[in-house]
Amino acid sequence: MNETDPYAGERLKKSPFYLRQEVLNIRNAWAAWNGYKFAEYYYDTEYEYFCVRNTCGTYDICPMQKYEIQGRDAEVMLNRMVTRDVTKIGLNRVAYCVWCTDDGRMIDDGTIFKLASDKFMLTCGSPCTAWLEKSAFGFADVTVTDVTDEIAALSLQGPTSCAVLKKMGLDGIDTAKPFDIMHFPFHGDTLMVSRTGFSGDLGYELWISPTVALDLWDQLYDAGENFGIQPYGEAATNMTRLEAAFIMPFMEFNEALRTVNFEHDQTPFELNLGWLVDFDKPHFSGRRALLEEQKRGPKYTLTKLDIEGNKPAEGSYIYKDKRCTREIGYVTSAMWSPSVKANIALAMIKTEHLEGELWAEIYYEKELRQYNRVVRCTRKQKPFWAPARARATPPPDF
């Protein structure tokens, strides 16, 4: 053990915010994400969830993969790789996107930041270096650089998030519209703030050099002292994103380059992301396969469900009838939603059976005994949680 480094010998990397998080993680509940030591929760999952829904919370996104794509051909290269039209992204704007194999199977989803006409940042949940390098092959002037460890990133989500940033001194932050990017001087560096997030609520993501990450944390928490600011981990994040009906890798979809079994991955159309596929732009990876799928329709469709009762339908099958004689789908994520006050779920259902009745068979435990129920499911078109403040500009103070 190196006496000057208390963390010597640990194999996981530490976030630039780790020194503050370690003190707050009183349960010592850690997991791993892309080689980083990462908080599953700090004190209590539901407590952290309610902080995000009623005040605000910070979520460490340093482990998220970040790539700088730069050069005269950067935009053309990205437009060739992803399914949406990158040329329509405005300067200092962020766009959600997906990219696929030639068979139209989804590799990953992420966000593209347009920082200049020849400079972009791509973020995603898993390493994508090899695919990006293949996508850049043949373009004369484009470089792809993994900057994951060079950018500290913190997500600030919840109804008081804008008020905290204003208190912190970020003048004009309340004028930022959803998916806008703004830049502020900070301790001799530049703080980039995007109005983005994974909670479905009002929120922002803060991007800064690791050298001043702790200064950012301290200043943010000083400003948020009277606004209920708290850290939250992956467990609470999974609750908020499900209420917003956002997809999660390895829950709603498998990354196509990691699957073994045929069609155990998904397509954008199966995940209700057809609005991200632009057939009017030049050729992109997966175009032919996706065009054929658009004509014939997807085999499965990700569906939002309101389920009777209060027993979460985790791991449940979906049936066409109450007698459970015809299985037509499966639940990918489920929970009892404290904010919506409903038993909600996302499920992959065979498209041909979307109309008509849907039933879920739920297994649960009560006092060490196993039970099962068959309950009716109601399809929902809109996200379960979508408050007006998430879109309002300027957002109201709470």
Protein backbone atom coordinates (compact mmCIF):
# COMPACT_ATOMS: atom_id res chain seq x y z
CA MET A 1 0.00 0.00 0.00
CA ASN A 2 1.30 3.43 -0.96
CA GLU A 3 1.09 5.48 2.27
CA THR A 4 0.72 8.73 0.33
CA ASP A 5 -2.25 7.41 -1.63
CA PRO A 6 -5.06 5.85 0.44
CA TYR A 7 -6.66 4.46 -2.72
CA ALA A 8 -3.54 2.77 -4.12
CA GLY A 9 -4.29 -0.82 -5.05
CA GLU A 10 -7.91 -0.23 -6.04
CA ARG A 11 -8.51 -1.10 -9.66
CA LEU A 12 -11.42 1.25 -10.29
CA LYS A 13 -10.75 4.85 -11.28
CA LYS A 14 -11.99 7.65 -9.04
CA SER A 15 -14.18 10.44 -10.32
CA PRO A 16 -12.81 13.97 -9.88
CA PHE A 17 -15.74 14.43 -7.45
CA TYR A 18 -14.93 11.28 -5.47
CA LEU A 19 -13.43 13.02 -2.42
CA ARG A 20 -16.78 14.71 -1.77
CA GLN A 21 -18.88 11.69 -2.69
CA GLU A 22 -16.96 9.33 -0.45
CA VAL A 23 -17.91 11.34 2.64
CA LEU A 24 -21.58 11.46 1.61
CA ASN A 25 -21.87 7.79 0.68
CA ILE A 26 -22.57 6.68 4.22
CA ARG A 27 -23.82 3.24 3.08
CA ASN A 28 -20.62 2.61 1.14
CA ALA A 29 -22.84 1.48 -1.72
CA TRP A 30 -20.58 1.47 -4.76
CA ALA A 31 -20.81 -0.13 -8.16
CA ALA A 32 -18.75 0.19 -11.36
CA TRP A 33 -19.38 2.02 -14.62
CA ASN A 34 -16.83 2.07 -17.44
CA GLY A 35 -13.99 1.41 -15.03
CA TYR A 36 -15.02 4.08 -12.52
CA LYS A 37 -16.09 3.58 -8.92
CA PHE A 38 -19.67 4.71 -9.04
CA ALA A 39 -22.40 5.28 -6.44
CA GLU A 40 -25.35 2.90 -6.52
CA TYR A 41 -26.91 5.04 -3.80
CA TYR A 42 -25.67 7.26 -0.96
CA TYR A 43 -28.15 6.93 1.87
CA ASP A 44 -31.51 5.65 0.68
CA THR A 45 -32.77 5.21 -2.88
CA GLU A 46 -36.27 6.59 -2.29
CA TYR A 47 -34.95 9.55 -0.31
CA GLU A 48 -32.63 10.43 -3.20
CA TYR A 49 -35.48 9.96 -5.68
CA PHE A 50 -37.71 12.40 -3.78
CA CYS A 51 -34.88 14.94 -3.67
CA VAL A 52 -34.78 14.90 -7.48
CA ARG A 53 -38.55 15.19 -7.78
CA ASN A 54 -39.04 17.86 -5.04
CA THR A 55 -35.78 19.84 -4.78
CA CYS A 56 -32.64 18.91 -6.73
CA GLY A 57 -29.83 16.39 -6.79
CA THR A 58 -26.45 15.77 -8.38
CA TYR A 59 -25.57 12.65 -10.33
CA ASP A 60 -21.98 11.94 -11.31
CA ILE A 61 -21.68 11.38 -15.07
CA CYS A 62 -17.88 11.41 -15.23
CA PRO A 63 -17.88 7.70 -16.24
CA MET A 64 -20.02 8.48 -19.30
CA GLN A 65 -18.00 8.04 -22.49
CA LYS A 66 -17.11 11.35 -24.14
CA TYR A 67 -15.57 11.68 -27.59
CA GLU A 68 -14.34 14.79 -29.35
CA ILE A 69 -14.91 14.61 -33.10
CA GLN A 70 -13.10 17.44 -34.83
CA GLY A 71 -12.11 18.49 -38.34
CA ARG A 72 -13.56 19.72 -41.61
CA ASP A 73 -15.29 16.35 -42.19
CA ALA A 74 -16.55 15.89 -38.62
CA GLU A 75 -20.17 16.76 -39.41
CA VAL A 76 -20.24 14.63 -42.56
CA MET A 77 -18.71 11.68 -40.72
CA LEU A 78 -21.24 11.87 -37.86
CA ASN A 79 -24.09 12.27 -40.34
CA ARG A 80 -22.91 9.08 -42.02
CA MET A 81 -22.81 7.24 -38.68
CA VAL A 82 -26.01 8.25 -36.82
CA THR A 83 -29.60 7.96 -38.05
CA ARG A 84 -30.73 11.56 -37.53
CA ASP A 85 -29.64 14.57 -39.62
CA VAL A 86 -26.65 16.09 -37.85
CA THR A 87 -26.64 19.07 -40.23
CA LYS A 88 -29.84 20.29 -38.54
CA ILE A 89 -28.19 20.61 -35.11
CA GLY A 90 -27.61 24.29 -34.34
CA LEU A 91 -24.45 25.73 -32.87
CA ASN A 92 -24.30 25.30 -29.09
CA ARG A 93 -27.14 22.80 -29.19
CA VAL A 94 -27.41 19.16 -28.11
CA ALA A 95 -29.27 16.41 -29.97
CA TYR A 96 -30.23 12.90 -28.90
CA CYS A 97 -29.20 10.28 -31.44
CA VAL A 98 -28.73 6.56 -32.09
CA TRP A 99 -26.43 4.61 -34.40
CA CYS A 100 -26.88 1.18 -35.92
CA THR A 101 -25.17 -1.69 -37.70
CA ASP A 102 -25.75 -2.22 -41.41
CA ASP A 103 -28.57 -4.57 -40.36
CA GLY A 104 -30.33 -1.69 -38.60
CA ARG A 105 -29.70 -3.09 -35.11
CA MET A 106 -28.97 -0.45 -32.51
CA ILE A 107 -25.39 -0.16 -31.28
CA ASP A 108 -25.99 2.59 -28.72
CA ASP A 109 -27.72 5.86 -28.04
CA GLY A 110 -26.20 9.13 -26.89
CA THR A 111 -26.01 12.87 -27.40
CA ILE A 112 -24.17 15.04 -29.89
CA PHE A 113 -22.97 18.48 -28.78
CA LYS A 114 -22.26 20.93 -31.61
CA LEU A 115 -19.51 23.18 -30.22
CA ALA A 116 -18.33 24.67 -33.53
CA SER A 117 -18.87 24.06 -37.23
CA ASP A 118 -15.98 21.59 -37.13
CA LYS A 119 -16.10 20.41 -33.52
CA PHE A 120 -18.54 18.04 -31.83
CA MET A 121 -18.72 16.02 -28.63
CA LEU A 122 -20.46 12.65 -28.59
CA THR A 123 -21.50 11.11 -25.28
CA CYS A 124 -22.71 7.55 -24.75
CA GLY A 125 -23.06 4.96 -22.02
CA SER A 126 -20.48 2.43 -23.23
CA PRO A 127 -17.10 2.64 -24.97
CA CYS A 128 -17.53 3.12 -28.72
CA THR A 129 -13.98 3.90 -29.84
CA ALA A 130 -13.66 1.09 -32.37
CA TRP A 131 -16.94 1.90 -34.09
CA LEU A 132 -16.11 5.62 -34.23
CA GLU A 133 -12.72 4.90 -35.76
CA LYS A 134 -14.33 2.64 -38.37
CA SER A 135 -16.91 5.34 -39.10
CA ALA A 136 -14.14 7.92 -39.56
CA PHE A 137 -12.20 5.71 -42.00
CA GLY A 138 -11.95 7.32 -45.44
CA PHE A 139 -12.68 10.87 -44.31
CA ALA A 140 -9.72 13.14 -45.02
CA ASP A 141 -10.02 15.60 -42.16
CA VAL A 142 -11.57 14.19 -39.00
CA THR A 143 -10.06 13.11 -35.69
CA VAL A 144 -11.74 11.10 -32.93
CA THR A 145 -10.38 11.56 -29.41
CA ASP A 146 -11.58 9.84 -26.25
CA VAL A 147 -11.82 12.70 -23.72
CA THR A 148 -13.70 10.78 -21.03
CA ASP A 149 -11.02 11.31 -18.39
CA GLU A 150 -10.37 14.90 -19.47
CA ILE A 151 -13.87 16.21 -18.70
CA ALA A 152 -15.55 16.11 -15.29
CA ALA A 153 -19.32 16.07 -15.64
CA LEU A 154 -22.11 16.43 -13.10
CA SER A 155 -25.84 16.24 -13.72
CA LEU A 156 -28.03 18.60 -11.66
CA GLN A 157 -31.69 17.61 -11.85
CA GLY A 158 -34.91 18.71 -10.17
CA PRO A 159 -37.30 21.66 -9.81
CA THR A 160 -34.83 23.87 -7.89
CA SER A 161 -31.88 23.20 -10.22
CA CYS A 162 -32.15 26.47 -12.13
CA ALA A 163 -32.52 28.46 -8.91
CA VAL A 164 -29.31 26.87 -7.61
CA LEU A 165 -27.38 27.79 -10.75
CA LYS A 166 -28.64 31.36 -10.58
CA LYS A 167 -27.62 31.54 -6.92
CA MET A 168 -24.22 30.24 -7.97
CA GLY A 169 -23.85 33.27 -10.22
CA LEU A 170 -24.49 31.82 -13.69
CA ASP A 171 -26.16 34.93 -15.09
CA GLY A 172 -28.59 34.19 -17.90
CA ILE A 173 -28.86 30.48 -17.24
CA ASP A 174 -32.63 30.85 -16.95
CA THR A 175 -32.75 31.84 -20.64
CA ALA A 176 -31.35 28.48 -21.76
CA LYS A 177 -33.92 26.41 -23.61
CA PRO A 178 -34.02 22.61 -23.51
CA PHE A 179 -30.92 21.23 -25.29
CA ASP A 180 -29.15 24.61 -25.28
CA ILE A 181 -25.47 24.95 -24.35
CA MET A 182 -24.04 27.93 -22.45
CA HIS A 183 -20.48 28.75 -21.35
CA PHE A 184 -19.36 30.57 -18.21
CA PRO A 185 -15.92 31.57 -16.84
CA PHE A 186 -15.06 29.53 -13.77
CA HIS A 187 -11.85 29.63 -11.71
CA GLY A 188 -9.70 30.45 -14.72
CA ASP A 189 -11.42 27.76 -16.79
CA THR A 190 -14.67 27.45 -18.74
CA LEU A 191 -17.79 25.80 -17.34
CA MET A 192 -20.06 24.39 -20.03
CA VAL A 193 -23.70 23.95 -19.01
CA SER A 194 -26.24 22.08 -21.14
CA ARG A 195 -29.94 21.97 -20.39
CA THR A 196 -30.07 18.20 -20.61
CA GLY A 197 -30.55 15.23 -18.32
CA PHE A 198 -31.98 11.77 -17.75
CA SER A 199 -34.70 12.54 -15.21
CA GLY A 200 -37.55 13.84 -17.37
CA ASP A 201 -37.63 16.92 -15.13
CA LEU A 202 -36.02 20.34 -15.18
CA GLY A 203 -32.29 19.77 -15.20
CA TYR A 204 -28.82 20.63 -16.42
CA GLU A 205 -25.48 18.95 -17.00
CA LEU A 206 -22.25 20.69 -16.03
CA TRP A 207 -18.98 20.03 -17.87
CA ILE A 208 -15.62 21.24 -16.51
CA SER A 209 -11.91 20.44 -16.33
CA PRO A 210 -11.10 17.86 -13.62
CA THR A 211 -8.60 20.31 -12.10
CA VAL A 212 -11.44 22.53 -10.85
CA ALA A 213 -14.06 19.82 -10.34
CA LEU A 214 -13.99 20.04 -6.55
CA ASP A 215 -14.31 23.83 -6.75
CA LEU A 216 -17.42 23.32 -8.86
CA TRP A 217 -18.84 20.81 -6.37
CA ASP A 218 -18.21 23.09 -3.40
CA GLN A 219 -19.63 26.18 -5.07
CA LEU A 220 -22.66 24.28 -6.32
CA TYR A 221 -23.42 22.81 -2.89
CA ASP A 222 -22.90 26.19 -1.19
CA ALA A 223 -25.44 27.71 -3.58
CA GLY A 224 -27.84 24.78 -3.13
CA GLU A 225 -27.76 24.69 0.66
CA ASN A 226 -31.22 26.25 0.96
CA PHE A 227 -32.58 24.49 -2.13
CA GLY A 228 -32.41 20.89 -0.88
CA ILE A 229 -29.43 19.77 -2.97
CA GLN A 230 -28.34 16.16 -2.39
CA PRO A 231 -26.33 13.57 -4.35
CA TYR A 232 -28.17 10.62 -5.86
CA GLY A 233 -26.99 7.39 -7.40
CA GLU A 234 -27.83 4.91 -10.12
CA ALA A 235 -30.82 3.37 -8.32
CA ALA A 236 -32.70 6.69 -8.07
CA THR A 237 -31.70 7.53 -11.64
CA ASN A 238 -33.34 4.34 -12.84
CA MET A 239 -36.58 5.35 -11.10
CA THR A 240 -36.71 8.84 -12.62
CA ARG A 241 -35.80 7.74 -16.13
CA LEU A 242 -38.52 5.04 -16.08
CA GLU A 243 -41.13 7.61 -15.09
CA ALA A 244 -39.95 9.68 -18.06
CA ALA A 245 -40.14 6.54 -20.26
CA PHE A 246 -36.46 6.85 -21.23
CA ILE A 247 -34.74 3.69 -22.41
CA MET A 248 -31.80 2.17 -20.53
CA PRO A 249 -29.07 -0.05 -22.05
CA PHE A 250 -29.26 -3.68 -20.95
CA MET A 251 -32.86 -3.14 -19.87
CA GLU A 252 -34.83 -1.85 -22.86
CA PHE A 253 -32.12 -2.68 -25.39
CA ASN A 254 -28.97 -4.71 -25.83
CA GLU A 255 -26.07 -3.13 -27.65
CA ALA A 256 -25.91 -4.86 -31.03
CA LEU A 257 -22.14 -5.38 -30.98
CA ARG A 258 -22.40 -7.30 -27.69
CA THR A 259 -25.25 -9.71 -28.37
CA VAL A 260 -24.76 -13.35 -29.31
CA ASN A 261 -28.27 -14.60 -30.09
CA PHE A 262 -30.05 -13.56 -33.27
CA GLU A 263 -32.28 -10.50 -32.83
CA HIS A 264 -31.68 -10.27 -29.09
CA ASP A 265 -30.79 -6.69 -29.91
CA GLN A 266 -33.29 -4.05 -31.03
CA THR A 267 -33.93 -1.51 -33.77
CA PRO A 268 -34.88 2.17 -33.39
CA PHE A 269 -38.39 1.38 -34.65
CA GLU A 270 -38.86 -1.34 -32.03
CA LEU A 271 -37.86 1.17 -29.35
CA ASN A 272 -40.28 3.83 -30.61
CA LEU A 273 -37.36 5.92 -31.86
CA GLY A 274 -38.44 6.10 -35.47
CA TRP A 275 -38.51 9.89 -35.14
CA LEU A 276 -34.71 9.73 -34.94
CA VAL A 277 -34.41 8.05 -38.35
CA ASP A 278 -34.20 10.58 -41.19
CA PHE A 279 -34.47 8.96 -44.61
CA ASP A 280 -34.29 12.36 -46.35
CA LYS A 281 -30.61 12.83 -45.52
CA PRO A 282 -27.68 11.14 -47.35
CA HIS A 283 -26.79 7.50 -46.75
CA PHE A 284 -26.14 6.36 -43.16
CA SER A 285 -25.29 3.04 -41.52
CA GLY A 286 -28.35 0.78 -41.47
CA ARG A 287 -30.42 2.88 -43.88
CA ARG A 288 -31.46 0.06 -46.23
CA ALA A 289 -32.45 -2.32 -43.42
CA LEU A 290 -34.34 0.40 -41.54
CA LEU A 291 -36.19 1.47 -44.68
CA GLU A 292 -37.37 -2.12 -45.18
CA GLU A 293 -38.43 -2.33 -41.53
CA GLN A 294 -40.36 0.91 -41.80
CA LYS A 295 -42.35 -0.57 -44.69
CA ARG A 296 -43.16 -3.90 -43.04
CA GLY A 297 -43.32 -2.68 -39.44
CA PRO A 298 -41.22 -3.74 -36.42
CA LYS A 299 -41.65 -7.19 -34.87
CA TYR A 300 -41.84 -5.70 -31.38
CA THR A 301 -42.85 -2.28 -30.09
CA LEU A 302 -41.75 -0.77 -26.79
CA THR A 303 -44.96 0.08 -24.97
CA LYS A 304 -45.75 2.17 -21.89
CA LEU A 305 -48.10 0.35 -19.52
CA ASP A 306 -50.22 1.32 -16.52
CA ILE A 307 -50.74 -1.92 -14.60
CA GLU A 308 -53.51 -2.69 -12.13
CA GLY A 309 -52.56 -2.98 -8.47
CA ASN A 310 -49.33 -2.00 -6.76
CA LYS A 311 -47.09 -5.02 -7.35
CA PRO A 312 -44.32 -4.11 -9.83
CA ALA A 313 -44.34 -6.33 -12.90
CA GLU A 314 -40.57 -6.88 -12.94
CA GLY A 315 -39.60 -9.74 -15.23
CA SER A 316 -43.23 -10.43 -16.15
CA TYR A 317 -44.60 -11.82 -19.38
CA ILE A 318 -47.41 -10.03 -21.20
CA TYR A 319 -50.36 -12.12 -22.38
CA LYS A 320 -53.24 -11.64 -24.80
CA ASP A 321 -55.79 -13.10 -22.41
CA LYS A 322 -56.35 -13.44 -18.68
CA ARG A 323 -55.84 -17.19 -18.78
CA CYS A 324 -52.22 -16.60 -19.88
CA THR A 325 -52.46 -18.99 -22.82
CA ARG A 326 -50.82 -16.68 -25.37
CA GLU A 327 -47.59 -14.91 -24.48
CA ILE A 328 -47.05 -11.82 -26.63
CA GLY A 329 -44.34 -9.83 -24.88
CA TYR A 330 -42.23 -9.17 -21.84
CA VAL A 331 -41.62 -6.37 -19.36
CA THR A 332 -38.25 -4.63 -19.56
CA SER A 333 -38.59 -2.21 -16.59
CA ALA A 334 -41.24 -1.80 -13.89
CA MET A 335 -41.87 0.03 -10.62
CA TRP A 336 -44.47 1.54 -8.37
CA SER A 337 -44.14 5.24 -9.14
CA PRO A 338 -44.30 7.43 -6.01
CA SER A 339 -44.90 10.61 -8.05
CA VAL A 340 -47.36 9.25 -10.58
CA LYS A 341 -49.05 7.07 -7.95
CA ALA A 342 -49.31 4.24 -10.45
CA ASN A 343 -47.86 0.83 -11.19
CA ILE A 344 -45.89 1.55 -14.37
CA ALA A 345 -43.80 -0.46 -16.79
CA LEU A 346 -42.12 -0.52 -20.17
CA ALA A 347 -42.66 -3.69 -22.19
CA MET A 348 -41.65 -5.11 -25.55
CA ILE A 349 -44.85 -6.36 -27.16
CA LYS A 350 -45.29 -8.08 -30.51
CA THR A 351 -46.57 -5.32 -32.75
CA GLU A 352 -49.34 -7.43 -34.24
CA HIS A 353 -50.88 -7.80 -30.76
CA LEU A 354 -50.79 -4.16 -29.63
CA GLU A 355 -54.52 -3.75 -30.09
CA GLY A 356 -56.92 -5.40 -27.70
CA GLU A 357 -56.47 -6.63 -24.17
CA LEU A 358 -53.10 -6.95 -22.44
CA TRP A 359 -52.48 -8.90 -19.23
CA ALA A 360 -49.41 -9.28 -17.04
CA GLU A 361 -48.62 -12.25 -14.82
CA ILE A 362 -46.87 -10.89 -11.73
CA TYR A 363 -44.95 -12.98 -9.21
CA TYR A 364 -44.19 -11.49 -5.80
CA GLU A 365 -43.24 -12.45 -2.28
CA LYS A 366 -45.10 -11.73 0.95
CA GLU A 367 -43.78 -12.93 4.31
CA LEU A 368 -41.54 -15.54 2.67
CA ARG A 369 -44.35 -16.97 0.58
CA GLN A 370 -44.61 -16.72 -3.18
CA TYR A 371 -47.76 -15.46 -4.90
CA ASN A 372 -48.81 -14.62 -8.42
CA ARG A 373 -51.51 -12.42 -9.91
CA VAL A 374 -52.79 -11.81 -13.42
CA VAL A 375 -53.74 -8.17 -13.90
CA ARG A 376 -54.92 -5.94 -16.71
CA CYS A 377 -52.52 -3.53 -18.45
CA THR A 378 -53.50 -0.24 -20.05
CA ARG A 379 -51.38 1.26 -22.82
CA LYS A 380 -50.17 4.83 -22.37
CA GLN A 381 -49.09 7.15 -25.17
CA LYS A 382 -47.31 9.87 -23.19
CA PRO A 383 -44.47 9.64 -20.65
CA PHE A 384 -45.64 8.85 -17.13
CA TRP A 385 -43.89 11.97 -15.79
CA ALA A 386 -43.51 15.14 -17.88
CA PRO A 387 -43.96 18.33 -15.80
CA ALA A 388 -44.33 21.63 -17.63
CA ARG A 389 -41.27 23.06 -15.86
CA ALA A 390 -39.08 20.62 -17.79
CA ARG A 391 -39.84 22.63 -20.97
CA ALA A 392 -40.55 26.12 -19.59
CA THR A 393 -38.16 28.97 -20.38
CA PRO A 394 -37.47 30.61 -18.06
CA PRO A 395 -38.27 27.80 -15.62
CA PRO A 396 -40.08 28.78 -12.42
CA ASP A 397 -38.24 28.91 -9.11
CA PHE A 398 -39.42 26.42 -6.48
